[in-house]
Amino acid sequence: MSTIACGVLLLAIFAFVFYPQRHTARQIPKTRLDFLREQKDVLYENLRDLNFEYSAGKYTAEDYAAQRAALENETAAVLAEIDQLELQVALHS
């Protein structure tokens, strides 16, 4: 009797996990501005992680300076493009 109950439970679990959902959430298409804002957040997080890891002694001063400069340059480019796109949106509104 318990093996039958376990089998039924196992089938129910498989059905729940692998049965495709009919009402999946629709994704809203991202604009370039949305993508850049997400990229900015990722770059800021990477800078925080780099500072933490340098404080923990995982990087030499030279490696830290090179990686920080690269991240700051990429962040500056992203921020400049965000400003440009926001200005275009403001002018067209």
PDB file of N, CA and C in Angstrom:
ATOM      1  N   MET A   1       0.833  -1.197   0.000  1.00  0.00           N
ATOM      2  CA  MET A   1       0.000   0.000   0.000  1.00  0.00           C
ATOM      3  C   MET A   1       0.873   1.254   0.000  1.00  0.00           C
ATOM      4  N   SER A   2       1.944   1.249   0.807  1.00  0.00           N
ATOM      5  CA  SER A   2       2.790   2.441   0.872  1.00  0.00           C
ATOM      6  C   SER A   2       3.573   2.633  -0.426  1.00  0.00           C
ATOM      7  N   THR A   3       3.903   1.537  -1.130  1.00  0.00           N
ATOM      8  CA  THR A   3       4.614   1.689  -2.398  1.00  0.00           C
ATOM      9  C   THR A   3       3.712   2.301  -3.464  1.00  0.00           C
ATOM     10  N   ILE A   4       2.431   1.993  -3.413  1.00  0.00           N
ATOM     11  CA  ILE A   4       1.482   2.595  -4.351  1.00  0.00           C
ATOM     12  C   ILE A   4       1.346   4.091  -4.056  1.00  0.00           C
ATOM     13  N   ALA A   5       1.262   4.446  -2.790  1.00  0.00           N
ATOM     14  CA  ALA A   5       1.163   5.858  -2.405  1.00  0.00           C
ATOM     15  C   ALA A   5       2.421   6.613  -2.810  1.00  0.00           C
ATOM     16  N   CYS A   6       3.572   5.989  -2.629  1.00  0.00           N
ATOM     17  CA  CYS A   6       4.834   6.631  -3.035  1.00  0.00           C
ATOM     18  C   CYS A   6       4.883   6.806  -4.549  1.00  0.00           C
ATOM     19  N   GLY A   7       4.410   5.811  -5.293  1.00  0.00           N
ATOM     20  CA  GLY A   7       4.384   5.913  -6.747  1.00  0.00           C
ATOM     21  C   GLY A   7       3.476   7.015  -7.224  1.00  0.00           C
ATOM     22  N   VAL A   8       2.302   7.120  -6.613  1.00  0.00           N
ATOM     23  CA  VAL A   8       1.366   8.184  -6.982  1.00  0.00           C
ATOM     24  C   VAL A   8       1.966   9.543  -6.648  1.00  0.00           C
ATOM     25  N   LEU A   9       2.602   9.657  -5.504  1.00  0.00           N
ATOM     26  CA  LEU A   9       3.245  10.912  -5.110  1.00  0.00           C
ATOM     27  C   LEU A   9       4.374  11.260  -6.074  1.00  0.00           C
ATOM     28  N   LEU A  10       5.146  10.266  -6.473  1.00  0.00           N
ATOM     29  CA  LEU A  10       6.232  10.497  -7.412  1.00  0.00           C
ATOM     30  C   LEU A  10       5.704  10.977  -8.754  1.00  0.00           C
ATOM     31  N   LEU A  11       4.644  10.377  -9.244  1.00  0.00           N
ATOM     32  CA  LEU A  11       4.033  10.813 -10.500  1.00  0.00           C
ATOM     33  C   LEU A  11       3.494  12.240 -10.391  1.00  0.00           C
ATOM     34  N   ALA A  12       2.898  12.556  -9.259  1.00  0.00           N
ATOM     35  CA  ALA A  12       2.373  13.907  -9.055  1.00  0.00           C
ATOM     36  C   ALA A  12       3.512  14.928  -9.040  1.00  0.00           C
ATOM     37  N   ILE A  13       4.611  14.584  -8.424  1.00  0.00           N
ATOM     38  CA  ILE A  13       5.761  15.492  -8.380  1.00  0.00           C
ATOM     39  C   ILE A  13       6.319  15.705  -9.787  1.00  0.00           C
ATOM     40  N   PHE A  14       6.481  14.620 -10.550  1.00  0.00           N
ATOM     41  CA  PHE A  14       6.974  14.761 -11.913  1.00  0.00           C
ATOM     42  C   PHE A  14       6.020  15.599 -12.760  1.00  0.00           C
ATOM     43  N   ALA A  15       4.745  15.399 -12.615  1.00  0.00           N
ATOM     44  CA  ALA A  15       3.770  16.176 -13.382  1.00  0.00           C
ATOM     45  C   ALA A  15       3.851  17.656 -13.013  1.00  0.00           C
ATOM     46  N   PHE A  16       4.005  17.935 -11.741  1.00  0.00           N
ATOM     47  CA  PHE A  16       4.091  19.323 -11.293  1.00  0.00           C
ATOM     48  C   PHE A  16       5.351  20.003 -11.826  1.00  0.00           C
ATOM     49  N   VAL A  17       6.466  19.287 -11.778  1.00  0.00           N
ATOM     50  CA  VAL A  17       7.741  19.881 -12.185  1.00  0.00           C
ATOM     51  C   VAL A  17       7.853  20.023 -13.698  1.00  0.00           C
ATOM     52  N   PHE A  18       7.438  19.009 -14.442  1.00  0.00           N
ATOM     53  CA  PHE A  18       7.706  18.994 -15.873  1.00  0.00           C
ATOM     54  C   PHE A  18       6.528  19.368 -16.763  1.00  0.00           C
ATOM     55  N   TYR A  19       5.354  19.552 -16.218  1.00  0.00           N
ATOM     56  CA  TYR A  19       4.199  19.935 -17.029  1.00  0.00           C
ATOM     57  C   TYR A  19       4.351  21.395 -17.456  1.00  0.00           C
ATOM     58  N   PRO A  20       4.253  21.705 -18.744  1.00  0.00           N
ATOM     59  CA  PRO A  20       4.452  23.093 -19.181  1.00  0.00           C
ATOM     60  C   PRO A  20       3.309  23.993 -18.720  1.00  0.00           C
ATOM     61  N   GLN A  21       3.667  25.180 -18.333  1.00  0.00           N
ATOM     62  CA  GLN A  21       2.663  26.141 -17.901  1.00  0.00           C
ATOM     63  C   GLN A  21       2.000  26.773 -19.122  1.00  0.00           C
ATOM     64  N   ARG A  22       0.732  27.023 -19.008  1.00  0.00           N
ATOM     65  CA  ARG A  22       0.006  27.615 -20.130  1.00  0.00           C
ATOM     66  C   ARG A  22       0.016  29.137 -20.068  1.00  0.00           C
ATOM     67  N   HIS A  23       0.123  29.676 -18.887  1.00  0.00           N
ATOM     68  CA  HIS A  23       0.069  31.125 -18.721  1.00  0.00           C
ATOM     69  C   HIS A  23       1.424  31.624 -18.231  1.00  0.00           C
ATOM     70  N   THR A  24       2.382  31.646 -19.117  1.00  0.00           N
ATOM     71  CA  THR A  24       3.693  32.158 -18.740  1.00  0.00           C
ATOM     72  C   THR A  24       3.683  33.676 -18.830  1.00  0.00           C
ATOM     73  N   ALA A  25       4.520  34.294 -18.053  1.00  0.00           N
ATOM     74  CA  ALA A  25       4.605  35.751 -18.053  1.00  0.00           C
ATOM     75  C   ALA A  25       5.270  36.218 -19.348  1.00  0.00           C
ATOM     76  N   ARG A  26       4.744  37.261 -19.893  1.00  0.00           N
ATOM     77  CA  ARG A  26       5.320  37.816 -21.115  1.00  0.00           C
ATOM     78  C   ARG A  26       6.413  38.810 -20.724  1.00  0.00           C
ATOM     79  N   GLN A  27       7.485  38.758 -21.475  1.00  0.00           N
ATOM     80  CA  GLN A  27       8.566  39.689 -21.221  1.00  0.00           C
ATOM     81  C   GLN A  27       8.344  40.966 -22.008  1.00  0.00           C
ATOM     82  N   ILE A  28       8.630  42.062 -21.357  1.00  0.00           N
ATOM     83  CA  ILE A  28       8.543  43.354 -22.014  1.00  0.00           C
ATOM     84  C   ILE A  28       9.866  43.585 -22.736  1.00  0.00           C
ATOM     85  N   PRO A  29       9.832  43.952 -23.989  1.00  0.00           N
ATOM     86  CA  PRO A  29      11.101  44.176 -24.694  1.00  0.00           C
ATOM     87  C   PRO A  29      11.883  45.322 -24.057  1.00  0.00           C
ATOM     88  N   LYS A  30      13.182  45.115 -23.932  1.00  0.00           N
ATOM     89  CA  LYS A  30      14.034  46.127 -23.308  1.00  0.00           C
ATOM     90  C   LYS A  30      14.522  47.112 -24.353  1.00  0.00           C
ATOM     91  N   THR A  31      14.585  48.341 -23.943  1.00  0.00           N
ATOM     92  CA  THR A  31      15.164  49.373 -24.788  1.00  0.00           C
ATOM     93  C   THR A  31      16.656  49.428 -24.524  1.00  0.00           C
ATOM     94  N   ARG A  32      17.343  50.146 -25.362  1.00  0.00           N
ATOM     95  CA  ARG A  32      18.794  50.321 -25.161  1.00  0.00           C
ATOM     96  C   ARG A  32      19.053  51.016 -23.821  1.00  0.00           C
ATOM     97  N   LEU A  33      18.196  51.939 -23.445  1.00  0.00           N
ATOM     98  CA  LEU A  33      18.353  52.650 -22.181  1.00  0.00           C
ATOM     99  C   LEU A  33      18.195  51.704 -20.992  1.00  0.00           C
ATOM    100  N   ASP A  34      17.243  50.801 -21.056  1.00  0.00           N
ATOM    101  CA  ASP A  34      17.070  49.807 -19.985  1.00  0.00           C
ATOM    102  C   ASP A  34      18.303  48.923 -19.860  1.00  0.00           C
ATOM    103  N   PHE A  35      18.814  48.481 -21.010  1.00  0.00           N
ATOM    104  CA  PHE A  35      20.008  47.643 -21.015  1.00  0.00           C
ATOM    105  C   PHE A  35      21.194  48.388 -20.396  1.00  0.00           C
ATOM    106  N   LEU A  36      21.367  49.646 -20.756  1.00  0.00           N
ATOM    107  CA  LEU A  36      22.493  50.422 -20.231  1.00  0.00           C
ATOM    108  C   LEU A  36      22.368  50.662 -18.728  1.00  0.00           C
ATOM    109  N   ARG A  37      21.167  50.876 -18.254  1.00  0.00           N
ATOM    110  CA  ARG A  37      20.974  51.055 -16.807  1.00  0.00           C
ATOM    111  C   ARG A  37      21.329  49.773 -16.049  1.00  0.00           C
ATOM    112  N   GLU A  38      20.955  48.633 -16.592  1.00  0.00           N
ATOM    113  CA  GLU A  38      21.343  47.368 -15.967  1.00  0.00           C
ATOM    114  C   GLU A  38      22.852  47.188 -16.010  1.00  0.00           C
ATOM    115  N   GLN A  39      23.457  47.555 -17.130  1.00  0.00           N
ATOM    116  CA  GLN A  39      24.913  47.446 -17.274  1.00  0.00           C
ATOM    117  C   GLN A  39      25.616  48.348 -16.254  1.00  0.00           C
ATOM    118  N   LYS A  40      25.070  49.540 -16.035  1.00  0.00           N
ATOM    119  CA  LYS A  40      25.640  50.461 -15.048  1.00  0.00           C
ATOM    120  C   LYS A  40      25.609  49.835 -13.661  1.00  0.00           C
ATOM    121  N   ASP A  41      24.499  49.223 -13.301  1.00  0.00           N
ATOM    122  CA  ASP A  41      24.397  48.570 -11.991  1.00  0.00           C
ATOM    123  C   ASP A  41      25.410  47.442 -11.850  1.00  0.00           C
ATOM    124  N   VAL A  42      25.595  46.680 -12.923  1.00  0.00           N
ATOM    125  CA  VAL A  42      26.573  45.582 -12.895  1.00  0.00           C
ATOM    126  C   VAL A  42      27.986  46.132 -12.725  1.00  0.00           C
ATOM    127  N   LEU A  43      28.292  47.202 -13.436  1.00  0.00           N
ATOM    128  CA  LEU A  43      29.631  47.782 -13.332  1.00  0.00           C
ATOM    129  C   LEU A  43      29.892  48.350 -11.941  1.00  0.00           C
ATOM    130  N   TYR A  44      28.899  49.001 -11.350  1.00  0.00           N
ATOM    131  CA  TYR A  44      29.065  49.504  -9.976  1.00  0.00           C
ATOM    132  C   TYR A  44      29.302  48.351  -8.997  1.00  0.00           C
ATOM    133  N   GLU A  45      28.562  47.256  -9.182  1.00  0.00           N
ATOM    134  CA  GLU A  45      28.749  46.094  -8.322  1.00  0.00           C
ATOM    135  C   GLU A  45      30.142  45.501  -8.507  1.00  0.00           C
ATOM    136  N   ASN A  46      30.612  45.456  -9.751  1.00  0.00           N
ATOM    137  CA  ASN A  46      31.959  44.954 -10.009  1.00  0.00           C
ATOM    138  C   ASN A  46      33.022  45.822  -9.349  1.00  0.00           C
ATOM    139  N   LEU A  47      32.817  47.138  -9.363  1.00  0.00           N
ATOM    140  CA  LEU A  47      33.756  48.038  -8.688  1.00  0.00           C
ATOM    141  C   LEU A  47      33.761  47.804  -7.183  1.00  0.00           C
ATOM    142  N   ARG A  48      32.575  47.613  -6.602  1.00  0.00           N
ATOM    143  CA  ARG A  48      32.507  47.327  -5.156  1.00  0.00           C
ATOM    144  C   ARG A  48      33.211  46.013  -4.834  1.00  0.00           C
ATOM    145  N   ASP A  49      32.973  44.993  -5.663  1.00  0.00           N
ATOM    146  CA  ASP A  49      33.628  43.704  -5.444  1.00  0.00           C
ATOM    147  C   ASP A  49      35.142  43.823  -5.573  1.00  0.00           C
ATOM    148  N   LEU A  50      35.594  44.580  -6.553  1.00  0.00           N
ATOM    149  CA  LEU A  50      37.022  44.765  -6.745  1.00  0.00           C
ATOM    150  C   LEU A  50      37.645  45.451  -5.539  1.00  0.00           C
ATOM    151  N   ASN A  51      36.987  46.478  -5.023  1.00  0.00           N
ATOM    152  CA  ASN A  51      37.507  47.165  -3.832  1.00  0.00           C
ATOM    153  C   ASN A  51      37.563  46.226  -2.632  1.00  0.00           C
ATOM    154  N   PHE A  52      36.533  45.411  -2.472  1.00  0.00           N
ATOM    155  CA  PHE A  52      36.506  44.473  -1.360  1.00  0.00           C
ATOM    156  C   PHE A  52      37.627  43.447  -1.489  1.00  0.00           C
ATOM    157  N   GLU A  53      37.783  42.901  -2.686  1.00  0.00           N
ATOM    158  CA  GLU A  53      38.811  41.880  -2.887  1.00  0.00           C
ATOM    159  C   GLU A  53      40.211  42.458  -2.746  1.00  0.00           C
ATOM    160  N   TYR A  54      40.392  43.699  -3.146  1.00  0.00           N
ATOM    161  CA  TYR A  54      41.696  44.344  -2.945  1.00  0.00           C
ATOM    162  C   TYR A  54      41.962  44.546  -1.453  1.00  0.00           C
ATOM    163  N   SER A  55      40.933  44.956  -0.721  1.00  0.00           N
ATOM    164  CA  SER A  55      41.087  45.121   0.735  1.00  0.00           C
ATOM    165  C   SER A  55      41.384  43.799   1.419  1.00  0.00           C
ATOM    166  N   ALA A  56      40.879  42.705   0.843  1.00  0.00           N
ATOM    167  CA  ALA A  56      41.118  41.382   1.409  1.00  0.00           C
ATOM    168  C   ALA A  56      42.492  40.839   1.021  1.00  0.00           C
ATOM    169  N   GLY A  57      43.202  41.552   0.153  1.00  0.00           N
ATOM    170  CA  GLY A  57      44.544  41.144  -0.216  1.00  0.00           C
ATOM    171  C   GLY A  57      44.614  40.184  -1.390  1.00  0.00           C
ATOM    172  N   LYS A  58      43.564  40.101  -2.184  1.00  0.00           N
ATOM    173  CA  LYS A  58      43.561  39.169  -3.301  1.00  0.00           C
ATOM    174  C   LYS A  58      44.246  39.726  -4.541  1.00  0.00           C
ATOM    175  N   TYR A  59      44.461  41.039  -4.603  1.00  0.00           N
ATOM    176  CA  TYR A  59      45.074  41.673  -5.763  1.00  0.00           C
ATOM    177  C   TYR A  59      46.285  42.482  -5.337  1.00  0.00           C
ATOM    178  N   THR A  60      47.266  42.547  -6.241  1.00  0.00           N
ATOM    179  CA  THR A  60      48.391  43.458  -6.019  1.00  0.00           C
ATOM    180  C   THR A  60      47.926  44.863  -6.374  1.00  0.00           C
ATOM    181  N   ALA A  61      48.692  45.849  -5.963  1.00  0.00           N
ATOM    182  CA  ALA A  61      48.316  47.238  -6.232  1.00  0.00           C
ATOM    183  C   ALA A  61      48.267  47.517  -7.733  1.00  0.00           C
ATOM    184  N   GLU A  62      49.185  46.918  -8.493  1.00  0.00           N
ATOM    185  CA  GLU A  62      49.211  47.152  -9.935  1.00  0.00           C
ATOM    186  C   GLU A  62      47.986  46.540 -10.621  1.00  0.00           C
ATOM    187  N   ASP A  63      47.649  45.303 -10.246  1.00  0.00           N
ATOM    188  CA  ASP A  63      46.474  44.652 -10.823  1.00  0.00           C
ATOM    189  C   ASP A  63      45.199  45.406 -10.466  1.00  0.00           C
ATOM    190  N   TYR A  64      45.125  45.835  -9.214  1.00  0.00           N
ATOM    191  CA  TYR A  64      43.960  46.575  -8.753  1.00  0.00           C
ATOM    192  C   TYR A  64      43.796  47.866  -9.551  1.00  0.00           C
ATOM    193  N   ALA A  65      44.899  48.600  -9.716  1.00  0.00           N
ATOM    194  CA  ALA A  65      44.835  49.872 -10.432  1.00  0.00           C
ATOM    195  C   ALA A  65      44.424  49.657 -11.890  1.00  0.00           C
ATOM    196  N   ALA A  66      44.949  48.618 -12.526  1.00  0.00           N
ATOM    197  CA  ALA A  66      44.617  48.357 -13.924  1.00  0.00           C
ATOM    198  C   ALA A  66      43.158  47.957 -14.074  1.00  0.00           C
ATOM    199  N   GLN A  67      42.681  47.070 -13.216  1.00  0.00           N
ATOM    200  CA  GLN A  67      41.286  46.627 -13.312  1.00  0.00           C
ATOM    201  C   GLN A  67      40.326  47.755 -12.949  1.00  0.00           C
ATOM    202  N   ARG A  68      40.688  48.549 -11.960  1.00  0.00           N
ATOM    203  CA  ARG A  68      39.828  49.667 -11.568  1.00  0.00           C
ATOM    204  C   ARG A  68      39.727  50.686 -12.702  1.00  0.00           C
ATOM    205  N   ALA A  69      40.854  50.976 -13.344  1.00  0.00           N
ATOM    206  CA  ALA A  69      40.842  51.929 -14.453  1.00  0.00           C
ATOM    207  C   ALA A  69      39.974  51.412 -15.599  1.00  0.00           C
ATOM    208  N   ALA A  70      40.094  50.130 -15.901  1.00  0.00           N
ATOM    209  CA  ALA A  70      39.290  49.555 -16.978  1.00  0.00           C
ATOM    210  C   ALA A  70      37.801  49.631 -16.650  1.00  0.00           C
ATOM    211  N   LEU A  71      37.436  49.289 -15.411  1.00  0.00           N
ATOM    212  CA  LEU A  71      36.020  49.355 -15.008  1.00  0.00           C
ATOM    213  C   LEU A  71      35.511  50.791 -15.000  1.00  0.00           C
ATOM    214  N   GLU A  72      36.342  51.734 -14.547  1.00  0.00           N
ATOM    215  CA  GLU A  72      35.921  53.134 -14.521  1.00  0.00           C
ATOM    216  C   GLU A  72      35.739  53.676 -15.932  1.00  0.00           C
ATOM    217  N   ASN A  73      36.617  53.281 -16.855  1.00  0.00           N
ATOM    218  CA  ASN A  73      36.472  53.734 -18.249  1.00  0.00           C
ATOM    219  C   ASN A  73      35.194  53.178 -18.872  1.00  0.00           C
ATOM    220  N   GLU A  74      34.925  51.917 -18.623  1.00  0.00           N
ATOM    221  CA  GLU A  74      33.703  51.310 -19.162  1.00  0.00           C
ATOM    222  C   GLU A  74      32.464  51.954 -18.549  1.00  0.00           C
ATOM    223  N   THR A  75      32.510  52.219 -17.256  1.00  0.00           N
ATOM    224  CA  THR A  75      31.392  52.874 -16.585  1.00  0.00           C
ATOM    225  C   THR A  75      31.166  54.275 -17.134  1.00  0.00           C
ATOM    226  N   ALA A  76      32.240  55.005 -17.376  1.00  0.00           N
ATOM    227  CA  ALA A  76      32.116  56.356 -17.931  1.00  0.00           C
ATOM    228  C   ALA A  76      31.473  56.321 -19.311  1.00  0.00           C
ATOM    229  N   ALA A  77      31.846  55.339 -20.128  1.00  0.00           N
ATOM    230  CA  ALA A  77      31.251  55.228 -21.463  1.00  0.00           C
ATOM    231  C   ALA A  77      29.765  54.913 -21.370  1.00  0.00           C
ATOM    232  N   VAL A  78      29.397  54.019 -20.463  1.00  0.00           N
ATOM    233  CA  VAL A  78      27.990  53.660 -20.280  1.00  0.00           C
ATOM    234  C   VAL A  78      27.195  54.863 -19.780  1.00  0.00           C
ATOM    235  N   LEU A  79      27.740  55.583 -18.810  1.00  0.00           N
ATOM    236  CA  LEU A  79      27.049  56.762 -18.273  1.00  0.00           C
ATOM    237  C   LEU A  79      26.881  57.848 -19.341  1.00  0.00           C
ATOM    238  N   ALA A  80      27.892  58.027 -20.180  1.00  0.00           N
ATOM    239  CA  ALA A  80      27.791  59.021 -21.251  1.00  0.00           C
ATOM    240  C   ALA A  80      26.687  58.637 -22.237  1.00  0.00           C
ATOM    241  N   GLU A  81      26.599  57.366 -22.564  1.00  0.00           N
ATOM    242  CA  GLU A  81      25.553  56.932 -23.495  1.00  0.00           C
ATOM    243  C   GLU A  81      24.169  57.047 -22.860  1.00  0.00           C
ATOM    244  N   ILE A  82      24.076  56.752 -21.550  1.00  0.00           N
ATOM    245  CA  ILE A  82      22.798  56.920 -20.847  1.00  0.00           C
ATOM    246  C   ILE A  82      22.369  58.377 -20.898  1.00  0.00           C
ATOM    247  N   ASP A  83      23.303  59.302 -20.599  1.00  0.00           N
ATOM    248  CA  ASP A  83      22.973  60.727 -20.637  1.00  0.00           C
ATOM    249  C   ASP A  83      22.516  61.154 -22.023  1.00  0.00           C
ATOM    250  N   GLN A  84      23.198  60.651 -23.051  1.00  0.00           N
ATOM    251  CA  GLN A  84      22.840  61.006 -24.421  1.00  0.00           C
ATOM    252  C   GLN A  84      21.443  60.500 -24.769  1.00  0.00           C
ATOM    253  N   LEU A  85      21.127  59.257 -24.415  1.00  0.00           N
ATOM    254  CA  LEU A  85      19.809  58.707 -24.729  1.00  0.00           C
ATOM    255  C   LEU A  85      18.713  59.382 -23.920  1.00  0.00           C
ATOM    256  N   GLU A  86      18.985  59.716 -22.656  1.00  0.00           N
ATOM    257  CA  GLU A  86      17.981  60.410 -21.850  1.00  0.00           C
ATOM    258  C   GLU A  86      17.709  61.805 -22.400  1.00  0.00           C
ATOM    259  N   LEU A  87      18.742  62.451 -22.918  1.00  0.00           N
ATOM    260  CA  LEU A  87      18.563  63.764 -23.522  1.00  0.00           C
ATOM    261  C   LEU A  87      17.712  63.658 -24.784  1.00  0.00           C
ATOM    262  N   GLN A  88      17.951  62.621 -25.587  1.00  0.00           N
ATOM    263  CA  GLN A  88      17.147  62.417 -26.789  1.00  0.00           C
ATOM    264  C   GLN A  88      15.692  62.143 -26.436  1.00  0.00           C
ATOM    265  N   VAL A  89      15.463  61.349 -25.392  1.00  0.00           N
ATOM    266  CA  VAL A  89      14.094  61.050 -24.963  1.00  0.00           C
ATOM    267  C   VAL A  89      13.416  62.320 -24.472  1.00  0.00           C
ATOM    268  N   ALA A  90      14.156  63.155 -23.736  1.00  0.00           N
ATOM    269  CA  ALA A  90      13.571  64.393 -23.212  1.00  0.00           C
ATOM    270  C   ALA A  90      13.235  65.360 -24.346  1.00  0.00           C
ATOM    271  N   LEU A  91      14.066  65.391 -25.370  1.00  0.00           N
ATOM    272  CA  LEU A  91      13.811  66.306 -26.490  1.00  0.00           C
ATOM    273  C   LEU A  91      12.633  65.858 -27.344  1.00  0.00           C
ATOM    274  N   HIS A  92      12.412  64.555 -27.426  1.00  0.00           N
ATOM    275  CA  HIS A  92      11.314  64.017 -28.233  1.00  0.00           C
ATOM    276  C   HIS A  92       9.982  63.967 -27.470  1.00  0.00           C
ATOM    277  N   SER A  93      10.027  64.215 -26.202  1.00  0.00           N
ATOM    278  CA  SER A  93       8.787  64.157 -25.404  1.00  0.00           C
ATOM    279  C   SER A  93       8.052  65.466 -25.414  1.00  0.00           C
TER     280      SER A  93
END
